[in-house]
Amino acid sequence: SGYACELKIDGIAISLTYENGRYVRGATRGDGVTGEDVTPNLRTVGQVPLVLFGKKPPAVLEVRGEVYMSEAVFAELNRSQAESGERLFVNPRNAAAGAVRQKDPAITASRRLSLWIYQVGFVEGDLRFASHSESLDWLRAAGFPVNPESKHVADLAGVVAYVGQAQQGRHDLGFQTDGVVVKVDRFDQQARTPFFGGRNAG
């Protein structure tokens, strides 16, 4: 079954909810339990699909991901701030977090945020996955942006190689990362391996 390896994106954790394939709610994930409703703001992020692909989407679907600001957009934003005599942003993560929480969705839209989705959360309806990799394939097919650097590896040697490549290439991605996430790929095995596990979306 192997392991699912992913880059940990240095952005702001969000949750998107769909009813019958249509976007209805977006929230920050806050402390993982409570978050802030930012539905209209996340609607302006171009990579958030408003309607999912596929013939029969689940009645309710919640997915989790990370909204971030690319390094190029961040540099341009700070140039613009400097020219206007306004305060510079410390880093792309803070700039993204501030943009998501704007009272005016038009300001959020102007900040040109990006998104990676990395997990299926709550599902109500007929949608089951045997593994994390299978869920990522479904997310891609449904229209969600899934990081192409996410990879399935066969064994721990593959995990070590992935971590080495991630460290070596992290400055060439165009966005900031702060580590690697490793999960046992099969959900039935995750349940027996809490150290590597996630929650079974099915």
C-alpha atoms as a PDB file:
ATOM      1  CA  SER A   1       0.000   0.000   0.000  1.00  0.00           C
ATOM      2  CA  GLY A   2       2.903   2.376   0.693  1.00  0.00           C
ATOM      3  CA  TYR A   3       2.870   6.001   1.832  1.00  0.00           C
ATOM      4  CA  ALA A   4       1.388   9.262   0.589  1.00  0.00           C
ATOM      5  CA  CYS A   5       3.950  12.104   0.692  1.00  0.00           C
ATOM      6  CA  GLU A   6       2.945  15.750   0.343  1.00  0.00           C
ATOM      7  CA  LEU A   7       4.496  19.165   0.785  1.00  0.00           C
ATOM      8  CA  LYS A   8       3.229  21.110   3.802  1.00  0.00           C
ATOM      9  CA  ILE A   9       2.150  24.437   2.316  1.00  0.00           C
ATOM     10  CA  ASP A  10       2.838  27.537   4.388  1.00  0.00           C
ATOM     11  CA  GLY A  11      -0.537  29.193   3.981  1.00  0.00           C
ATOM     12  CA  ILE A  12      -3.880  29.389   5.751  1.00  0.00           C
ATOM     13  CA  ALA A  13      -5.897  26.214   6.361  1.00  0.00           C
ATOM     14  CA  ILE A  14      -9.401  26.346   4.909  1.00  0.00           C
ATOM     15  CA  SER A  15     -12.443  24.134   4.471  1.00  0.00           C
ATOM     16  CA  LEU A  16     -14.839  24.200   1.492  1.00  0.00           C
ATOM     17  CA  THR A  17     -18.332  22.684   1.631  1.00  0.00           C
ATOM     18  CA  TYR A  18     -20.411  21.573  -1.363  1.00  0.00           C
ATOM     19  CA  GLU A  19     -24.046  20.519  -1.512  1.00  0.00           C
ATOM     20  CA  ASN A  20     -25.000  18.424  -4.538  1.00  0.00           C
ATOM     21  CA  GLY A  21     -21.796  19.567  -6.235  1.00  0.00           C
ATOM     22  CA  ARG A  22     -22.250  23.317  -5.652  1.00  0.00           C
ATOM     23  CA  TYR A  23     -20.053  25.493  -3.452  1.00  0.00           C
ATOM     24  CA  VAL A  24     -22.050  26.707  -0.449  1.00  0.00           C
ATOM     25  CA  ARG A  25     -19.583  27.519   2.322  1.00  0.00           C
ATOM     26  CA  GLY A  26     -15.946  28.389   2.939  1.00  0.00           C
ATOM     27  CA  ALA A  27     -14.266  28.745   6.303  1.00  0.00           C
ATOM     28  CA  THR A  28     -10.859  29.109   7.850  1.00  0.00           C
ATOM     29  CA  ARG A  29     -10.025  26.029   9.893  1.00  0.00           C
ATOM     30  CA  GLY A  30      -8.874  28.030  12.914  1.00  0.00           C
ATOM     31  CA  ASP A  31      -7.827  25.628  15.666  1.00  0.00           C
ATOM     32  CA  GLY A  32      -9.125  22.631  13.687  1.00  0.00           C
ATOM     33  CA  VAL A  33     -12.480  22.726  15.483  1.00  0.00           C
ATOM     34  CA  THR A  34     -13.844  26.242  15.056  1.00  0.00           C
ATOM     35  CA  GLY A  35     -13.102  28.604  12.201  1.00  0.00           C
ATOM     36  CA  GLU A  36     -14.298  31.813  10.593  1.00  0.00           C
ATOM     37  CA  ASP A  37     -16.940  31.889   7.841  1.00  0.00           C
ATOM     38  CA  VAL A  38     -15.290  33.468   4.779  1.00  0.00           C
ATOM     39  CA  THR A  39     -17.638  32.068   2.107  1.00  0.00           C
ATOM     40  CA  PRO A  40     -17.791  35.149  -0.194  1.00  0.00           C
ATOM     41  CA  ASN A  41     -14.032  35.723   0.075  1.00  0.00           C
ATOM     42  CA  LEU A  42     -13.053  32.174  -0.889  1.00  0.00           C
ATOM     43  CA  ARG A  43     -15.511  32.377  -3.803  1.00  0.00           C
ATOM     44  CA  THR A  44     -13.145  34.958  -5.327  1.00  0.00           C
ATOM     45  CA  VAL A  45     -10.157  32.578  -5.309  1.00  0.00           C
ATOM     46  CA  GLY A  46      -9.984  31.515  -8.934  1.00  0.00           C
ATOM     47  CA  GLN A  47      -9.024  27.906  -8.215  1.00  0.00           C
ATOM     48  CA  VAL A  48     -12.039  27.248  -5.969  1.00  0.00           C
ATOM     49  CA  PRO A  49     -14.458  25.260  -8.157  1.00  0.00           C
ATOM     50  CA  LEU A  50     -17.990  26.635  -7.794  1.00  0.00           C
ATOM     51  CA  VAL A  51     -19.521  23.536  -9.429  1.00  0.00           C
ATOM     52  CA  LEU A  52     -17.880  20.109  -9.307  1.00  0.00           C
ATOM     53  CA  PHE A  53     -17.279  17.857 -12.299  1.00  0.00           C
ATOM     54  CA  GLY A  54     -18.837  14.407 -12.291  1.00  0.00           C
ATOM     55  CA  LYS A  55     -22.301  12.975 -12.815  1.00  0.00           C
ATOM     56  CA  LYS A  56     -23.342  12.273  -9.227  1.00  0.00           C
ATOM     57  CA  PRO A  57     -21.606  14.364  -6.575  1.00  0.00           C
ATOM     58  CA  PRO A  58     -22.279  13.510  -2.924  1.00  0.00           C
ATOM     59  CA  ALA A  59     -25.158  15.305  -1.155  1.00  0.00           C
ATOM     60  CA  VAL A  60     -22.654  17.042   1.123  1.00  0.00           C
ATOM     61  CA  LEU A  61     -18.891  17.179   0.684  1.00  0.00           C
ATOM     62  CA  GLU A  62     -16.336  19.035   2.782  1.00  0.00           C
ATOM     63  CA  VAL A  63     -12.745  19.281   1.569  1.00  0.00           C
ATOM     64  CA  ARG A  64      -9.682  20.735   3.259  1.00  0.00           C
ATOM     65  CA  GLY A  65      -6.802  22.643   1.838  1.00  0.00           C
ATOM     66  CA  GLU A  66      -4.428  25.560   2.063  1.00  0.00           C
ATOM     67  CA  VAL A  67      -4.851  29.011   0.565  1.00  0.00           C
ATOM     68  CA  TYR A  68      -1.510  30.658  -0.115  1.00  0.00           C
ATOM     69  CA  MET A  69       0.088  33.558  -1.934  1.00  0.00           C
ATOM     70  CA  SER A  70       2.754  32.791  -4.511  1.00  0.00           C
ATOM     71  CA  GLU A  71       6.148  34.388  -4.033  1.00  0.00           C
ATOM     72  CA  ALA A  72       5.767  36.382  -7.272  1.00  0.00           C
ATOM     73  CA  VAL A  73       2.378  37.826  -6.220  1.00  0.00           C
ATOM     74  CA  PHE A  74       3.764  38.573  -2.739  1.00  0.00           C
ATOM     75  CA  ALA A  75       6.740  40.500  -4.192  1.00  0.00           C
ATOM     76  CA  GLU A  76       4.391  42.483  -6.462  1.00  0.00           C
ATOM     77  CA  LEU A  77       2.038  43.250  -3.545  1.00  0.00           C
ATOM     78  CA  ASN A  78       4.878  44.577  -1.389  1.00  0.00           C
ATOM     79  CA  ARG A  79       6.181  46.682  -4.302  1.00  0.00           C
ATOM     80  CA  SER A  80       2.732  48.223  -4.602  1.00  0.00           C
ATOM     81  CA  GLN A  81       2.535  48.766  -0.810  1.00  0.00           C
ATOM     82  CA  ALA A  82       5.937  50.503  -0.846  1.00  0.00           C
ATOM     83  CA  GLU A  83       4.942  52.768  -3.753  1.00  0.00           C
ATOM     84  CA  SER A  84       1.793  53.773  -1.859  1.00  0.00           C
ATOM     85  CA  GLY A  85       3.792  54.414   1.312  1.00  0.00           C
ATOM     86  CA  GLU A  86       1.923  51.631   3.107  1.00  0.00           C
ATOM     87  CA  ARG A  87       3.215  49.019   5.506  1.00  0.00           C
ATOM     88  CA  LEU A  88       4.886  45.990   3.929  1.00  0.00           C
ATOM     89  CA  PHE A  89       3.716  42.451   4.633  1.00  0.00           C
ATOM     90  CA  VAL A  90       6.150  40.295   6.590  1.00  0.00           C
ATOM     91  CA  ASN A  91       5.704  37.104   4.558  1.00  0.00           C
ATOM     92  CA  PRO A  92       3.335  35.457   2.030  1.00  0.00           C
ATOM     93  CA  ARG A  93       1.501  33.526   4.754  1.00  0.00           C
ATOM     94  CA  ASN A  94       0.514  36.685   6.654  1.00  0.00           C
ATOM     95  CA  ALA A  95      -0.493  38.373   3.406  1.00  0.00           C
ATOM     96  CA  ALA A  96      -2.692  35.400   2.450  1.00  0.00           C
ATOM     97  CA  ALA A  97      -4.298  35.223   5.905  1.00  0.00           C
ATOM     98  CA  GLY A  98      -5.072  38.946   5.836  1.00  0.00           C
ATOM     99  CA  ALA A  99      -6.522  38.681   2.331  1.00  0.00           C
ATOM    100  CA  VAL A 100      -8.823  35.765   3.239  1.00  0.00           C
ATOM    101  CA  ARG A 101     -10.200  37.694   6.237  1.00  0.00           C
ATOM    102  CA  GLN A 102     -10.947  40.966   4.415  1.00  0.00           C
ATOM    103  CA  LYS A 103     -14.404  42.439   4.973  1.00  0.00           C
ATOM    104  CA  ASP A 104     -14.611  43.282   1.261  1.00  0.00           C
ATOM    105  CA  PRO A 105     -14.374  40.235  -1.066  1.00  0.00           C
ATOM    106  CA  ALA A 106     -13.149  42.548  -3.855  1.00  0.00           C
ATOM    107  CA  ILE A 107      -9.947  43.127  -1.871  1.00  0.00           C
ATOM    108  CA  THR A 108      -9.531  39.363  -1.450  1.00  0.00           C
ATOM    109  CA  ALA A 109      -9.964  38.959  -5.212  1.00  0.00           C
ATOM    110  CA  SER A 110      -7.323  41.629  -5.911  1.00  0.00           C
ATOM    111  CA  ARG A 111      -4.716  39.705  -3.874  1.00  0.00           C
ATOM    112  CA  ARG A 112      -4.647  36.824  -6.420  1.00  0.00           C
ATOM    113  CA  LEU A 113      -4.532  33.953  -3.951  1.00  0.00           C
ATOM    114  CA  SER A 114      -3.880  30.336  -4.873  1.00  0.00           C
ATOM    115  CA  LEU A 115      -5.131  27.055  -3.458  1.00  0.00           C
ATOM    116  CA  TRP A 116      -4.141  23.421  -2.992  1.00  0.00           C
ATOM    117  CA  ILE A 117      -6.686  20.884  -1.729  1.00  0.00           C
ATOM    118  CA  TYR A 118      -5.174  17.927   0.126  1.00  0.00           C
ATOM    119  CA  GLN A 119      -7.963  16.022   1.881  1.00  0.00           C
ATOM    120  CA  VAL A 120     -11.571  14.901   1.715  1.00  0.00           C
ATOM    121  CA  GLY A 121     -13.150  15.649   5.087  1.00  0.00           C
ATOM    122  CA  PHE A 122     -16.850  15.044   5.763  1.00  0.00           C
ATOM    123  CA  VAL A 123     -18.967  13.196   3.206  1.00  0.00           C
ATOM    124  CA  GLU A 124     -22.709  12.593   3.204  1.00  0.00           C
ATOM    125  CA  GLY A 125     -23.585  10.295   0.337  1.00  0.00           C
ATOM    126  CA  ASP A 126     -22.135   7.442  -1.625  1.00  0.00           C
ATOM    127  CA  LEU A 127     -18.423   8.237  -1.802  1.00  0.00           C
ATOM    128  CA  ARG A 128     -15.817   5.825  -0.432  1.00  0.00           C
ATOM    129  CA  PHE A 129     -12.068   5.558  -0.885  1.00  0.00           C
ATOM    130  CA  ALA A 130      -9.701   2.751   0.015  1.00  0.00           C
ATOM    131  CA  SER A 131      -6.671   5.045   0.151  1.00  0.00           C
ATOM    132  CA  HIS A 132      -5.548   8.652   0.387  1.00  0.00           C
ATOM    133  CA  SER A 133      -4.065   8.468  -3.146  1.00  0.00           C
ATOM    134  CA  GLU A 134      -7.442   7.335  -4.480  1.00  0.00           C
ATOM    135  CA  SER A 135      -9.134  10.312  -2.780  1.00  0.00           C
ATOM    136  CA  LEU A 136      -6.612  12.716  -4.362  1.00  0.00           C
ATOM    137  CA  ASP A 137      -7.339  11.256  -7.813  1.00  0.00           C
ATOM    138  CA  TRP A 138     -11.060  11.825  -7.203  1.00  0.00           C
ATOM    139  CA  LEU A 139     -10.435  15.414  -6.041  1.00  0.00           C
ATOM    140  CA  ARG A 140      -8.435  16.160  -9.232  1.00  0.00           C
ATOM    141  CA  ALA A 141     -11.192  14.685 -11.420  1.00  0.00           C
ATOM    142  CA  ALA A 142     -13.837  16.737  -9.567  1.00  0.00           C
ATOM    143  CA  GLY A 143     -11.959  19.938 -10.431  1.00  0.00           C
ATOM    144  CA  PHE A 144      -9.964  20.683  -7.293  1.00  0.00           C
ATOM    145  CA  PRO A 145      -6.347  21.855  -7.545  1.00  0.00           C
ATOM    146  CA  VAL A 146      -4.176  19.077  -6.060  1.00  0.00           C
ATOM    147  CA  ASN A 147      -0.458  19.738  -5.706  1.00  0.00           C
ATOM    148  CA  PRO A 148       1.439  17.859  -8.449  1.00  0.00           C
ATOM    149  CA  GLU A 149       4.298  17.339  -5.969  1.00  0.00           C
ATOM    150  CA  SER A 150       2.078  14.947  -3.974  1.00  0.00           C
ATOM    151  CA  LYS A 151       3.403  11.441  -4.518  1.00  0.00           C
ATOM    152  CA  HIS A 152       2.733   7.806  -3.592  1.00  0.00           C
ATOM    153  CA  VAL A 153       5.860   5.871  -2.606  1.00  0.00           C
ATOM    154  CA  ALA A 154       6.213   2.159  -1.931  1.00  0.00           C
ATOM    155  CA  ASP A 155       8.320   2.128   1.241  1.00  0.00           C
ATOM    156  CA  LEU A 156      10.258   4.144   3.818  1.00  0.00           C
ATOM    157  CA  ALA A 157      13.227   4.444   1.450  1.00  0.00           C
ATOM    158  CA  GLY A 158      10.854   6.241  -0.920  1.00  0.00           C
ATOM    159  CA  VAL A 159       9.759   8.542   1.921  1.00  0.00           C
ATOM    160  CA  VAL A 160      13.402   9.437   2.684  1.00  0.00           C
ATOM    161  CA  ALA A 161      14.051  10.135  -1.022  1.00  0.00           C
ATOM    162  CA  TYR A 162      10.920  12.325  -1.233  1.00  0.00           C
ATOM    163  CA  VAL A 163      11.974  14.359   1.821  1.00  0.00           C
ATOM    164  CA  GLY A 164      15.456  14.856   0.331  1.00  0.00           C
ATOM    165  CA  GLN A 165      14.020  16.064  -2.995  1.00  0.00           C
ATOM    166  CA  ALA A 166      11.568  18.349  -1.186  1.00  0.00           C
ATOM    167  CA  GLN A 167      14.372  19.988   0.782  1.00  0.00           C
ATOM    168  CA  GLN A 168      16.519  20.389  -2.312  1.00  0.00           C
ATOM    169  CA  GLY A 169      13.781  21.832  -4.519  1.00  0.00           C
ATOM    170  CA  ARG A 170      11.828  23.950  -2.052  1.00  0.00           C
ATOM    171  CA  HIS A 171      13.212  27.259  -3.362  1.00  0.00           C
ATOM    172  CA  ASP A 172      12.177  26.459  -6.945  1.00  0.00           C
ATOM    173  CA  LEU A 173       8.446  25.954  -6.311  1.00  0.00           C
ATOM    174  CA  GLY A 174       7.297  29.576  -6.405  1.00  0.00           C
ATOM    175  CA  PHE A 175       5.477  29.185  -3.055  1.00  0.00           C
ATOM    176  CA  GLN A 176       6.591  28.598   0.506  1.00  0.00           C
ATOM    177  CA  THR A 177       6.545  25.242   2.289  1.00  0.00           C
ATOM    178  CA  ASP A 178       7.373  24.325   5.860  1.00  0.00           C
ATOM    179  CA  GLY A 179       7.890  20.585   5.781  1.00  0.00           C
ATOM    180  CA  VAL A 180       6.558  17.319   4.415  1.00  0.00           C
ATOM    181  CA  VAL A 181       3.432  15.392   5.441  1.00  0.00           C
ATOM    182  CA  VAL A 182       3.668  11.583   5.307  1.00  0.00           C
ATOM    183  CA  LYS A 183       0.590   9.357   5.625  1.00  0.00           C
ATOM    184  CA  VAL A 184       0.063   5.605   5.431  1.00  0.00           C
ATOM    185  CA  ASP A 185      -1.840   5.463   2.142  1.00  0.00           C
ATOM    186  CA  ARG A 186      -4.532   2.868   2.884  1.00  0.00           C
ATOM    187  CA  PHE A 187      -7.250   4.092   5.257  1.00  0.00           C
ATOM    188  CA  ASP A 188      -7.738   0.676   6.898  1.00  0.00           C
ATOM    189  CA  GLN A 189      -4.028   0.629   7.755  1.00  0.00           C
ATOM    190  CA  GLN A 190      -4.125   4.243   8.985  1.00  0.00           C
ATOM    191  CA  ALA A 191      -6.646   3.187  11.611  1.00  0.00           C
ATOM    192  CA  ARG A 192      -4.080   0.699  12.957  1.00  0.00           C
ATOM    193  CA  THR A 193      -1.134   3.133  12.665  1.00  0.00           C
ATOM    194  CA  PRO A 194      -2.095   6.307  14.542  1.00  0.00           C
ATOM    195  CA  PHE A 195       1.352   7.884  14.173  1.00  0.00           C
ATOM    196  CA  PHE A 196       1.048   8.020  10.373  1.00  0.00           C
ATOM    197  CA  GLY A 197      -2.704   8.208  10.098  1.00  0.00           C
ATOM    198  CA  GLY A 198      -5.327  10.632   9.017  1.00  0.00           C
ATOM    199  CA  ARG A 199      -9.076  10.311   9.267  1.00  0.00           C
ATOM    200  CA  ASN A 200     -10.891   8.025   6.897  1.00  0.00           C
ATOM    201  CA  ALA A 201     -12.957  10.223   4.630  1.00  0.00           C
ATOM    202  CA  GLY A 202     -15.321   7.348   3.901  1.00  0.00           C
END
